[in-house]
Amino acid sequence: FQNYALYPHMTTADNMGFALKIAHVPKPRVQQRVQEAAALLD
């Protein structure tokens, strides 16, 4: 979205992984995807 729509009380990692968390993706897989996305986006 234009206005980012980030949760102000969450860290960058938590914001990025929140949708996976509520979809009950296993925590190690969430962390892996967040690390991969963080590498792509510096």
PDB file of all heavy atoms in Angstrom:
ATOM      1  N   PHE A   1       0.818  -1.198   0.000  1.00  0.00           N
ATOM      2  CA  PHE A   1       0.000   0.000   0.000  1.00  0.00           C
ATOM      3  C   PHE A   1       0.864   1.267   0.000  1.00  0.00           C
ATOM      4  O   PHE A   1       2.064   1.237   0.303  1.00  0.00           O
ATOM      5  CB  PHE A   1      -0.913   0.026   1.230  1.00  0.00           C
ATOM      6  CG  PHE A   1      -1.914  -1.091   1.275  1.00  0.00           C
ATOM      7  CD1 PHE A   1      -1.624  -2.280   1.931  1.00  0.00           C
ATOM      8  CD2 PHE A   1      -3.152  -0.963   0.660  1.00  0.00           C
ATOM      9  CE1 PHE A   1      -2.542  -3.311   1.975  1.00  0.00           C
ATOM     10  CE2 PHE A   1      -4.079  -1.995   0.703  1.00  0.00           C
ATOM     11  CZ  PHE A   1      -3.773  -3.166   1.361  1.00  0.00           C
ATOM     12  N   GLN A   2       0.208   2.376  -0.303  1.00  0.00           N
ATOM     13  CA  GLN A   2       0.880   3.672  -0.316  1.00  0.00           C
ATOM     14  C   GLN A   2       1.374   4.071   1.076  1.00  0.00           C
ATOM     15  O   GLN A   2       2.432   4.655   1.223  1.00  0.00           O
ATOM     16  CB  GLN A   2      -0.091   4.733  -0.844  1.00  0.00           C
ATOM     17  CG  GLN A   2       0.461   6.147  -0.861  1.00  0.00           C
ATOM     18  CD  GLN A   2      -0.552   7.131  -1.420  1.00  0.00           C
ATOM     19  OE1 GLN A   2      -1.537   6.734  -2.033  1.00  0.00           O
ATOM     20  NE2 GLN A   2      -0.329   8.406  -1.202  1.00  0.00           N
ATOM     21  N   ASN A   3       0.605   3.741   2.117  1.00  0.00           N
ATOM     22  CA  ASN A   3       0.933   4.223   3.465  1.00  0.00           C
ATOM     23  C   ASN A   3       1.666   3.180   4.313  1.00  0.00           C
ATOM     24  O   ASN A   3       1.686   3.295   5.553  1.00  0.00           O
ATOM     25  CB  ASN A   3      -0.340   4.674   4.182  1.00  0.00           C
ATOM     26  CG  ASN A   3      -1.333   3.528   4.357  1.00  0.00           C
ATOM     27  OD1 ASN A   3      -1.084   2.410   3.910  1.00  0.00           O
ATOM     28  ND2 ASN A   3      -2.445   3.792   5.028  1.00  0.00           N
ATOM     29  N   TYR A   4       2.245   2.152   3.691  1.00  0.00           N
ATOM     30  CA  TYR A   4       3.072   1.123   4.328  1.00  0.00           C
ATOM     31  C   TYR A   4       2.248   0.157   5.184  1.00  0.00           C
ATOM     32  O   TYR A   4       2.450  -1.043   5.115  1.00  0.00           O
ATOM     33  CB  TYR A   4       4.200   1.708   5.190  1.00  0.00           C
ATOM     34  CG  TYR A   4       4.929   2.877   4.573  1.00  0.00           C
ATOM     35  CD1 TYR A   4       5.290   3.970   5.353  1.00  0.00           C
ATOM     36  CD2 TYR A   4       5.248   2.902   3.220  1.00  0.00           C
ATOM     37  CE1 TYR A   4       5.954   5.046   4.814  1.00  0.00           C
ATOM     38  CE2 TYR A   4       5.912   3.983   2.661  1.00  0.00           C
ATOM     39  CZ  TYR A   4       6.257   5.056   3.459  1.00  0.00           C
ATOM     40  OH  TYR A   4       6.907   6.126   2.909  1.00  0.00           O
ATOM     41  N   ALA A   5       1.345   0.669   6.058  1.00  0.00           N
ATOM     42  CA  ALA A   5       0.474  -0.173   6.892  1.00  0.00           C
ATOM     43  C   ALA A   5       1.264  -1.143   7.753  1.00  0.00           C
ATOM     44  O   ALA A   5       0.944  -2.335   7.845  1.00  0.00           O
ATOM     45  CB  ALA A   5      -0.533  -0.927   6.009  1.00  0.00           C
ATOM     46  N   LEU A   6       2.324  -0.638   8.408  1.00  0.00           N
ATOM     47  CA  LEU A   6       3.123  -1.461   9.321  1.00  0.00           C
ATOM     48  C   LEU A   6       2.568  -1.359  10.741  1.00  0.00           C
ATOM     49  O   LEU A   6       2.013  -0.330  11.133  1.00  0.00           O
ATOM     50  CB  LEU A   6       4.584  -1.006   9.308  1.00  0.00           C
ATOM     51  CG  LEU A   6       5.293  -1.026   7.952  1.00  0.00           C
ATOM     52  CD1 LEU A   6       6.717  -0.506   8.098  1.00  0.00           C
ATOM     53  CD2 LEU A   6       5.291  -2.431   7.360  1.00  0.00           C
ATOM     54  N   TYR A   7       2.736  -2.417  11.509  1.00  0.00           N
ATOM     55  CA  TYR A   7       2.342  -2.390  12.917  1.00  0.00           C
ATOM     56  C   TYR A   7       3.424  -1.656  13.719  1.00  0.00           C
ATOM     57  O   TYR A   7       4.582  -2.111  13.762  1.00  0.00           O
ATOM     58  CB  TYR A   7       2.172  -3.811  13.444  1.00  0.00           C
ATOM     59  CG  TYR A   7       1.030  -4.557  12.802  1.00  0.00           C
ATOM     60  CD1 TYR A   7       1.259  -5.568  11.878  1.00  0.00           C
ATOM     61  CD2 TYR A   7      -0.288  -4.255  13.127  1.00  0.00           C
ATOM     62  CE1 TYR A   7       0.208  -6.261  11.278  1.00  0.00           C
ATOM     63  CE2 TYR A   7      -1.355  -4.937  12.540  1.00  0.00           C
ATOM     64  CZ  TYR A   7      -1.089  -5.933  11.623  1.00  0.00           C
ATOM     65  OH  TYR A   7      -2.137  -6.609  11.033  1.00  0.00           O
ATOM     66  N   PRO A   8       3.097  -0.542  14.361  1.00  0.00           N
ATOM     67  CA  PRO A   8       4.128   0.277  15.014  1.00  0.00           C
ATOM     68  C   PRO A   8       4.802  -0.402  16.202  1.00  0.00           C
ATOM     69  O   PRO A   8       5.943  -0.063  16.552  1.00  0.00           O
ATOM     70  CB  PRO A   8       3.362   1.527  15.466  1.00  0.00           C
ATOM     71  CG  PRO A   8       1.933   1.107  15.543  1.00  0.00           C
ATOM     72  CD  PRO A   8       1.759   0.068  14.483  1.00  0.00           C
ATOM     73  N   HIS A   9       4.123  -1.366  16.847  1.00  0.00           N
ATOM     74  CA  HIS A   9       4.690  -2.006  18.040  1.00  0.00           C
ATOM     75  C   HIS A   9       5.535  -3.233  17.700  1.00  0.00           C
ATOM     76  O   HIS A   9       6.117  -3.852  18.589  1.00  0.00           O
ATOM     77  CB  HIS A   9       3.555  -2.426  18.984  1.00  0.00           C
ATOM     78  CG  HIS A   9       2.627  -3.443  18.398  1.00  0.00           C
ATOM     79  ND1 HIS A   9       1.698  -3.120  17.417  1.00  0.00           N
ATOM     80  CD2 HIS A   9       2.489  -4.791  18.630  1.00  0.00           C
ATOM     81  CE1 HIS A   9       1.019  -4.205  17.085  1.00  0.00           C
ATOM     82  NE2 HIS A   9       1.479  -5.227  17.811  1.00  0.00           N
ATOM     83  N   MET A  10       5.605  -3.576  16.410  1.00  0.00           N
ATOM     84  CA  MET A  10       6.363  -4.755  15.999  1.00  0.00           C
ATOM     85  C   MET A  10       7.688  -4.359  15.367  1.00  0.00           C
ATOM     86  O   MET A  10       7.814  -3.303  14.741  1.00  0.00           O
ATOM     87  CB  MET A  10       5.564  -5.584  14.973  1.00  0.00           C
ATOM     88  CG  MET A  10       4.336  -6.259  15.514  1.00  0.00           C
ATOM     89  SD  MET A  10       3.613  -7.317  14.221  1.00  0.00           S
ATOM     90  CE  MET A  10       2.162  -7.935  15.064  1.00  0.00           C
ATOM     91  N   THR A  11       8.675  -5.237  15.477  1.00  0.00           N
ATOM     92  CA  THR A  11       9.951  -5.033  14.801  1.00  0.00           C
ATOM     93  C   THR A  11       9.788  -5.295  13.300  1.00  0.00           C
ATOM     94  O   THR A  11       8.756  -5.820  12.846  1.00  0.00           O
ATOM     95  CB  THR A  11      11.023  -5.981  15.344  1.00  0.00           C
ATOM     96  OG1 THR A  11      10.633  -7.331  15.039  1.00  0.00           O
ATOM     97  CG2 THR A  11      11.198  -5.814  16.852  1.00  0.00           C
ATOM     98  N   THR A  12      10.837  -4.955  12.562  1.00  0.00           N
ATOM     99  CA  THR A  12      10.837  -5.231  11.120  1.00  0.00           C
ATOM    100  C   THR A  12      10.607  -6.715  10.852  1.00  0.00           C
ATOM    101  O   THR A  12       9.788  -7.100  10.007  1.00  0.00           O
ATOM    102  CB  THR A  12      12.174  -4.786  10.510  1.00  0.00           C
ATOM    103  OG1 THR A  12      12.259  -3.363  10.565  1.00  0.00           O
ATOM    104  CG2 THR A  12      12.316  -5.246   9.074  1.00  0.00           C
ATOM    105  N   ALA A  13      11.322  -7.573  11.583  1.00  0.00           N
ATOM    106  CA  ALA A  13      11.183  -9.021  11.370  1.00  0.00           C
ATOM    107  C   ALA A  13       9.762  -9.483  11.669  1.00  0.00           C
ATOM    108  O   ALA A  13       9.188 -10.299  10.932  1.00  0.00           O
ATOM    109  CB  ALA A  13      12.190  -9.772  12.231  1.00  0.00           C
ATOM    110  N   ASP A  14       9.184  -8.962  12.758  1.00  0.00           N
ATOM    111  CA  ASP A  14       7.820  -9.377  13.125  1.00  0.00           C
ATOM    112  C   ASP A  14       6.795  -8.890  12.107  1.00  0.00           C
ATOM    113  O   ASP A  14       5.839  -9.597  11.786  1.00  0.00           O
ATOM    114  CB  ASP A  14       7.475  -8.853  14.517  1.00  0.00           C
ATOM    115  CG  ASP A  14       8.245  -9.563  15.615  1.00  0.00           C
ATOM    116  OD1 ASP A  14       8.733 -10.680  15.361  1.00  0.00           O
ATOM    117  OD2 ASP A  14       8.387  -8.989  16.718  1.00  0.00           O
ATOM    118  N   ASN A  15       6.980  -7.655  11.609  1.00  0.00           N
ATOM    119  CA  ASN A  15       6.076  -7.144  10.579  1.00  0.00           C
ATOM    120  C   ASN A  15       6.130  -8.002   9.331  1.00  0.00           C
ATOM    121  O   ASN A  15       5.096  -8.347   8.756  1.00  0.00           O
ATOM    122  CB  ASN A  15       6.443  -5.697  10.235  1.00  0.00           C
ATOM    123  CG  ASN A  15       5.627  -4.674  10.991  1.00  0.00           C
ATOM    124  OD1 ASN A  15       4.432  -4.520  10.754  1.00  0.00           O
ATOM    125  ND2 ASN A  15       6.269  -3.997  11.923  1.00  0.00           N
ATOM    126  N   MET A  16       7.343  -8.362   8.936  1.00  0.00           N
ATOM    127  CA  MET A  16       7.501  -9.137   7.710  1.00  0.00           C
ATOM    128  C   MET A  16       6.938 -10.547   7.844  1.00  0.00           C
ATOM    129  O   MET A  16       6.391 -11.108   6.891  1.00  0.00           O
ATOM    130  CB  MET A  16       8.977  -9.180   7.306  1.00  0.00           C
ATOM    131  CG  MET A  16       9.515  -7.827   6.840  1.00  0.00           C
ATOM    132  SD  MET A  16      11.323  -7.786   6.636  1.00  0.00           S
ATOM    133  CE  MET A  16      11.573  -8.974   5.332  1.00  0.00           C
ATOM    134  N   GLY A  17       7.032 -11.110   9.020  1.00  0.00           N
ATOM    135  CA  GLY A  17       6.605 -12.495   9.188  1.00  0.00           C
ATOM    136  C   GLY A  17       5.216 -12.670   9.749  1.00  0.00           C
ATOM    137  O   GLY A  17       4.753 -13.809   9.915  1.00  0.00           O
ATOM    138  N   PHE A  18       4.503 -11.556  10.007  1.00  0.00           N
ATOM    139  CA  PHE A  18       3.223 -11.653  10.709  1.00  0.00           C
ATOM    140  C   PHE A  18       2.187 -12.465   9.931  1.00  0.00           C
ATOM    141  O   PHE A  18       1.467 -13.288  10.503  1.00  0.00           O
ATOM    142  CB  PHE A  18       2.686 -10.248  10.998  1.00  0.00           C
ATOM    143  CG  PHE A  18       1.412 -10.240  11.785  1.00  0.00           C
ATOM    144  CD1 PHE A  18       1.417 -10.631  13.117  1.00  0.00           C
ATOM    145  CD2 PHE A  18       0.205  -9.871  11.204  1.00  0.00           C
ATOM    146  CE1 PHE A  18       0.237 -10.649  13.855  1.00  0.00           C
ATOM    147  CE2 PHE A  18      -0.975  -9.880  11.932  1.00  0.00           C
ATOM    148  CZ  PHE A  18      -0.958 -10.276  13.270  1.00  0.00           C
ATOM    149  N   ALA A  19       2.087 -12.230   8.624  1.00  0.00           N
ATOM    150  CA  ALA A  19       1.079 -12.958   7.827  1.00  0.00           C
ATOM    151  C   ALA A  19       1.336 -14.459   7.860  1.00  0.00           C
ATOM    152  O   ALA A  19       0.397 -15.261   7.880  1.00  0.00           O
ATOM    153  CB  ALA A  19       1.084 -12.451   6.392  1.00  0.00           C
ATOM    154  N   LEU A  20       2.609 -14.858   7.885  1.00  0.00           N
ATOM    155  CA  LEU A  20       2.931 -16.283   7.955  1.00  0.00           C
ATOM    156  C   LEU A  20       2.611 -16.843   9.335  1.00  0.00           C
ATOM    157  O   LEU A  20       2.157 -17.983   9.469  1.00  0.00           O
ATOM    158  CB  LEU A  20       4.416 -16.492   7.634  1.00  0.00           C
ATOM    159  CG  LEU A  20       4.888 -16.027   6.257  1.00  0.00           C
ATOM    160  CD1 LEU A  20       6.370 -16.324   6.081  1.00  0.00           C
ATOM    161  CD2 LEU A  20       4.080 -16.693   5.154  1.00  0.00           C
ATOM    162  N   LYS A  21       2.836 -16.020  10.344  1.00  0.00           N
ATOM    163  CA  LYS A  21       2.581 -16.469  11.717  1.00  0.00           C
ATOM    164  C   LYS A  21       1.101 -16.788  11.921  1.00  0.00           C
ATOM    165  O   LYS A  21       0.748 -17.836  12.481  1.00  0.00           O
ATOM    166  CB  LYS A  21       3.040 -15.394  12.698  1.00  0.00           C
ATOM    167  CG  LYS A  21       2.813 -15.744  14.158  1.00  0.00           C
ATOM    168  CD  LYS A  21       3.288 -14.623  15.069  1.00  0.00           C
ATOM    169  CE  LYS A  21       2.994 -14.952  16.537  1.00  0.00           C
ATOM    170  NZ  LYS A  21       3.440 -13.854  17.444  1.00  0.00           N
ATOM    171  N   ILE A  22       0.217 -15.864  11.438  1.00  0.00           N
ATOM    172  CA  ILE A  22      -1.216 -16.105  11.638  1.00  0.00           C
ATOM    173  C   ILE A  22      -1.731 -17.212  10.717  1.00  0.00           C
ATOM    174  O   ILE A  22      -2.821 -17.738  10.930  1.00  0.00           O
ATOM    175  CB  ILE A  22      -2.045 -14.819  11.447  1.00  0.00           C
ATOM    176  CG1 ILE A  22      -1.924 -14.297  10.008  1.00  0.00           C
ATOM    177  CG2 ILE A  22      -1.638 -13.757  12.456  1.00  0.00           C
ATOM    178  CD1 ILE A  22      -2.837 -13.100   9.725  1.00  0.00           C
ATOM    179  N   ALA A  23      -0.936 -17.553   9.699  1.00  0.00           N
ATOM    180  CA  ALA A  23      -1.289 -18.689   8.828  1.00  0.00           C
ATOM    181  C   ALA A  23      -0.737 -19.994   9.389  1.00  0.00           C
ATOM    182  O   ALA A  23      -0.831 -21.044   8.729  1.00  0.00           O
ATOM    183  CB  ALA A  23      -0.759 -18.460   7.413  1.00  0.00           C
ATOM    184  N   HIS A  24      -0.126 -19.924  10.605  1.00  0.00           N
ATOM    185  CA  HIS A  24       0.390 -21.096  11.324  1.00  0.00           C
ATOM    186  C   HIS A  24       1.540 -21.781  10.576  1.00  0.00           C
ATOM    187  O   HIS A  24       1.693 -23.006  10.632  1.00  0.00           O
ATOM    188  CB  HIS A  24      -0.734 -22.108  11.605  1.00  0.00           C
ATOM    189  CG  HIS A  24      -1.898 -21.516  12.341  1.00  0.00           C
ATOM    190  ND1 HIS A  24      -1.809 -21.040  13.637  1.00  0.00           N
ATOM    191  CD2 HIS A  24      -3.182 -21.295  11.946  1.00  0.00           C
ATOM    192  CE1 HIS A  24      -2.980 -20.557  14.021  1.00  0.00           C
ATOM    193  NE2 HIS A  24      -3.840 -20.691  13.019  1.00  0.00           N
ATOM    194  N   VAL A  25       2.332 -20.985   9.857  1.00  0.00           N
ATOM    195  CA  VAL A  25       3.550 -21.515   9.250  1.00  0.00           C
ATOM    196  C   VAL A  25       4.555 -21.773  10.375  1.00  0.00           C
ATOM    197  O   VAL A  25       4.682 -20.945  11.294  1.00  0.00           O
ATOM    198  CB  VAL A  25       4.133 -20.519   8.223  1.00  0.00           C
ATOM    199  CG1 VAL A  25       5.477 -21.002   7.686  1.00  0.00           C
ATOM    200  CG2 VAL A  25       3.136 -20.308   7.084  1.00  0.00           C
ATOM    201  N   PRO A  26       5.251 -22.896  10.365  1.00  0.00           N
ATOM    202  CA  PRO A  26       6.204 -23.189  11.442  1.00  0.00           C
ATOM    203  C   PRO A  26       7.236 -22.062  11.618  1.00  0.00           C
ATOM    204  O   PRO A  26       7.681 -21.461  10.644  1.00  0.00           O
ATOM    205  CB  PRO A  26       6.868 -24.488  10.973  1.00  0.00           C
ATOM    206  CG  PRO A  26       5.862 -25.124  10.081  1.00  0.00           C
ATOM    207  CD  PRO A  26       5.148 -24.005   9.404  1.00  0.00           C
ATOM    208  N   LYS A  27       7.600 -21.803  12.877  1.00  0.00           N
ATOM    209  CA  LYS A  27       8.487 -20.677  13.192  1.00  0.00           C
ATOM    210  C   LYS A  27       9.818 -20.736  12.445  1.00  0.00           C
ATOM    211  O   LYS A  27      10.271 -19.707  11.925  1.00  0.00           O
ATOM    212  CB  LYS A  27       8.721 -20.631  14.700  1.00  0.00           C
ATOM    213  CG  LYS A  27       9.472 -19.383  15.151  1.00  0.00           C
ATOM    214  CD  LYS A  27       9.532 -19.306  16.667  1.00  0.00           C
ATOM    215  CE  LYS A  27      10.255 -18.028  17.108  1.00  0.00           C
ATOM    216  NZ  LYS A  27      10.310 -17.931  18.590  1.00  0.00           N
ATOM    217  N   PRO A  28      10.480 -21.890  12.344  1.00  0.00           N
ATOM    218  CA  PRO A  28      11.747 -21.929  11.591  1.00  0.00           C
ATOM    219  C   PRO A  28      11.564 -21.510  10.126  1.00  0.00           C
ATOM    220  O   PRO A  28      12.429 -20.842   9.551  1.00  0.00           O
ATOM    221  CB  PRO A  28      12.186 -23.390  11.703  1.00  0.00           C
ATOM    222  CG  PRO A  28      11.528 -23.889  12.944  1.00  0.00           C
ATOM    223  CD  PRO A  28      10.199 -23.187  12.984  1.00  0.00           C
ATOM    224  N   ARG A  29      10.422 -21.918   9.540  1.00  0.00           N
ATOM    225  CA  ARG A  29      10.159 -21.540   8.135  1.00  0.00           C
ATOM    226  C   ARG A  29       9.904 -20.046   8.023  1.00  0.00           C
ATOM    227  O   ARG A  29      10.345 -19.406   7.062  1.00  0.00           O
ATOM    228  CB  ARG A  29       8.953 -22.336   7.618  1.00  0.00           C
ATOM    229  CG  ARG A  29       8.576 -22.050   6.170  1.00  0.00           C
ATOM    230  CD  ARG A  29       9.699 -22.338   5.204  1.00  0.00           C
ATOM    231  NE  ARG A  29       9.280 -22.169   3.831  1.00  0.00           N
ATOM    232  CZ  ARG A  29      10.102 -21.854   2.839  1.00  0.00           C
ATOM    233  NH1 ARG A  29      11.395 -21.666   3.078  1.00  0.00           N
ATOM    234  NH2 ARG A  29       9.654 -21.728   1.609  1.00  0.00           N
ATOM    235  N   VAL A  30       9.200 -19.468   8.998  1.00  0.00           N
ATOM    236  CA  VAL A  30       8.965 -18.025   8.996  1.00  0.00           C
ATOM    237  C   VAL A  30      10.294 -17.285   9.055  1.00  0.00           C
ATOM    238  O   VAL A  30      10.543 -16.345   8.287  1.00  0.00           O
ATOM    239  CB  VAL A  30       8.066 -17.618  10.179  1.00  0.00           C
ATOM    240  CG1 VAL A  30       7.967 -16.088  10.266  1.00  0.00           C
ATOM    241  CG2 VAL A  30       6.684 -18.227  10.052  1.00  0.00           C
ATOM    242  N   GLN A  31      11.164 -17.694   9.961  1.00  0.00           N
ATOM    243  CA  GLN A  31      12.460 -17.033  10.115  1.00  0.00           C
ATOM    244  C   GLN A  31      13.294 -17.148   8.838  1.00  0.00           C
ATOM    245  O   GLN A  31      13.977 -16.204   8.436  1.00  0.00           O
ATOM    246  CB  GLN A  31      13.201 -17.639  11.298  1.00  0.00           C
ATOM    247  CG  GLN A  31      12.562 -17.338  12.652  1.00  0.00           C
ATOM    248  CD  GLN A  31      13.247 -18.050  13.795  1.00  0.00           C
ATOM    249  OE1 GLN A  31      13.903 -19.094  13.589  1.00  0.00           O
ATOM    250  NE2 GLN A  31      13.083 -17.524  15.003  1.00  0.00           N
ATOM    251  N   GLN A  32      13.221 -18.315   8.203  1.00  0.00           N
ATOM    252  CA  GLN A  32      13.975 -18.510   6.962  1.00  0.00           C
ATOM    253  C   GLN A  32      13.494 -17.557   5.873  1.00  0.00           C
ATOM    254  O   GLN A  32      14.302 -16.907   5.204  1.00  0.00           O
ATOM    255  CB  GLN A  32      13.835 -19.957   6.485  1.00  0.00           C
ATOM    256  CG  GLN A  32      14.567 -20.231   5.163  1.00  0.00           C
ATOM    257  CD  GLN A  32      14.249 -21.618   4.607  1.00  0.00           C
ATOM    258  OE1 GLN A  32      13.599 -22.436   5.255  1.00  0.00           O
ATOM    259  NE2 GLN A  32      14.706 -21.876   3.383  1.00  0.00           N
ATOM    260  N   ARG A  33      12.167 -17.446   5.703  1.00  0.00           N
ATOM    261  CA  ARG A  33      11.624 -16.568   4.658  1.00  0.00           C
ATOM    262  C   ARG A  33      11.926 -15.096   4.956  1.00  0.00           C
ATOM    263  O   ARG A  33      12.218 -14.318   4.049  1.00  0.00           O
ATOM    264  CB  ARG A  33      10.121 -16.772   4.533  1.00  0.00           C
ATOM    265  CG  ARG A  33       9.724 -18.108   3.910  1.00  0.00           C
ATOM    266  CD  ARG A  33       8.292 -18.037   3.419  1.00  0.00           C
ATOM    267  NE  ARG A  33       7.726 -19.338   3.145  1.00  0.00           N
ATOM    268  CZ  ARG A  33       6.462 -19.542   2.786  1.00  0.00           C
ATOM    269  NH1 ARG A  33       5.623 -18.513   2.696  1.00  0.00           N
ATOM    270  NH2 ARG A  33       6.011 -20.747   2.552  1.00  0.00           N
ATOM    271  N   VAL A  34      11.838 -14.720   6.237  1.00  0.00           N
ATOM    272  CA  VAL A  34      12.156 -13.334   6.599  1.00  0.00           C
ATOM    273  C   VAL A  34      13.620 -13.024   6.294  1.00  0.00           C
ATOM    274  O   VAL A  34      13.941 -11.955   5.757  1.00  0.00           O
ATOM    275  CB  VAL A  34      11.836 -13.092   8.086  1.00  0.00           C
ATOM    276  CG1 VAL A  34      12.437 -11.753   8.551  1.00  0.00           C
ATOM    277  CG2 VAL A  34      10.335 -13.105   8.322  1.00  0.00           C
ATOM    278  N   GLN A  35      14.523 -13.962   6.611  1.00  0.00           N
ATOM    279  CA  GLN A  35      15.942 -13.746   6.329  1.00  0.00           C
ATOM    280  C   GLN A  35      16.192 -13.646   4.826  1.00  0.00           C
ATOM    281  O   GLN A  35      16.983 -12.805   4.377  1.00  0.00           O
ATOM    282  CB  GLN A  35      16.771 -14.891   6.927  1.00  0.00           C
ATOM    283  CG  GLN A  35      16.819 -14.926   8.443  1.00  0.00           C
ATOM    284  CD  GLN A  35      17.597 -13.762   9.030  1.00  0.00           C
ATOM    285  OE1 GLN A  35      18.518 -13.236   8.405  1.00  0.00           O
ATOM    286  NE2 GLN A  35      17.222 -13.344  10.234  1.00  0.00           N
ATOM    287  N   GLU A  36      15.516 -14.464   4.048  1.00  0.00           N
ATOM    288  CA  GLU A  36      15.681 -14.423   2.590  1.00  0.00           C
ATOM    289  C   GLU A  36      15.190 -13.097   2.023  1.00  0.00           C
ATOM    290  O   GLU A  36      15.852 -12.486   1.169  1.00  0.00           O
ATOM    291  CB  GLU A  36      14.918 -15.583   1.940  1.00  0.00           C
ATOM    292  CG  GLU A  36      15.526 -16.954   2.220  1.00  0.00           C
ATOM    293  CD  GLU A  36      14.626 -18.089   1.752  1.00  0.00           C
ATOM    294  OE1 GLU A  36      13.444 -17.804   1.385  1.00  0.00           O
ATOM    295  OE2 GLU A  36      15.075 -19.256   1.761  1.00  0.00           O
ATOM    296  N   ALA A  37      14.023 -12.633   2.490  1.00  0.00           N
ATOM    297  CA  ALA A  37      13.494 -11.354   2.017  1.00  0.00           C
ATOM    298  C   ALA A  37      14.378 -10.198   2.455  1.00  0.00           C
ATOM    299  O   ALA A  37      14.602  -9.250   1.700  1.00  0.00           O
ATOM    300  CB  ALA A  37      12.067 -11.162   2.535  1.00  0.00           C
ATOM    301  N   ALA A  38      14.896 -10.265   3.696  1.00  0.00           N
ATOM    302  CA  ALA A  38      15.777  -9.205   4.194  1.00  0.00           C
ATOM    303  C   ALA A  38      17.047  -9.111   3.359  1.00  0.00           C
ATOM    304  O   ALA A  38      17.562  -8.012   3.103  1.00  0.00           O
ATOM    305  CB  ALA A  38      16.119  -9.461   5.660  1.00  0.00           C
ATOM    306  N   ALA A  39      17.561 -10.263   2.911  1.00  0.00           N
ATOM    307  CA  ALA A  39      18.756 -10.259   2.066  1.00  0.00           C
ATOM    308  C   ALA A  39      18.469  -9.596   0.724  1.00  0.00           C
ATOM    309  O   ALA A  39      19.278  -8.811   0.210  1.00  0.00           O
ATOM    310  CB  ALA A  39      19.251 -11.689   1.867  1.00  0.00           C
ATOM    311  N   LEU A  40      17.299  -9.902   0.143  1.00  0.00           N
ATOM    312  CA  LEU A  40      16.936  -9.303  -1.135  1.00  0.00           C
ATOM    313  C   LEU A  40      16.751  -7.792  -1.037  1.00  0.00           C
ATOM    314  O   LEU A  40      17.083  -7.045  -1.960  1.00  0.00           O
ATOM    315  CB  LEU A  40      15.631  -9.933  -1.657  1.00  0.00           C
ATOM    316  CG  LEU A  40      15.721 -11.318  -2.283  1.00  0.00           C
ATOM    317  CD1 LEU A  40      14.322 -11.856  -2.547  1.00  0.00           C
ATOM    318  CD2 LEU A  40      16.528 -11.294  -3.577  1.00  0.00           C
ATOM    319  N   LEU A  41      16.237  -7.328   0.111  1.00  0.00           N
ATOM    320  CA  LEU A  41      15.881  -5.916   0.270  1.00  0.00           C
ATOM    321  C   LEU A  41      16.896  -5.126   1.075  1.00  0.00           C
ATOM    322  O   LEU A  41      16.655  -3.966   1.408  1.00  0.00           O
ATOM    323  CB  LEU A  41      14.500  -5.820   0.937  1.00  0.00           C
ATOM    324  CG  LEU A  41      13.348  -6.392   0.115  1.00  0.00           C
ATOM    325  CD1 LEU A  41      12.102  -6.561   0.982  1.00  0.00           C
ATOM    326  CD2 LEU A  41      13.042  -5.487  -1.069  1.00  0.00           C
ATOM    327  N   ASP A  42      18.020  -5.763   1.414  1.00  0.00           N
ATOM    328  CA  ASP A  42      19.074  -5.104   2.187  1.00  0.00           C
ATOM    329  C   ASP A  42      18.526  -4.577   3.523  1.00  0.00           C
ATOM    330  O   ASP A  42      18.741  -3.422   3.892  1.00  0.00           O
ATOM    331  CB  ASP A  42      19.676  -3.954   1.368  1.00  0.00           C
ATOM    332  CG  ASP A  42      21.006  -3.464   1.958  1.00  0.00           C
ATOM    333  OD1 ASP A  42      21.638  -4.232   2.696  1.00  0.00           O
ATOM    334  OD2 ASP A  42      21.384  -2.306   1.677  1.00  0.00           O
TER     335      ASP A  42
END
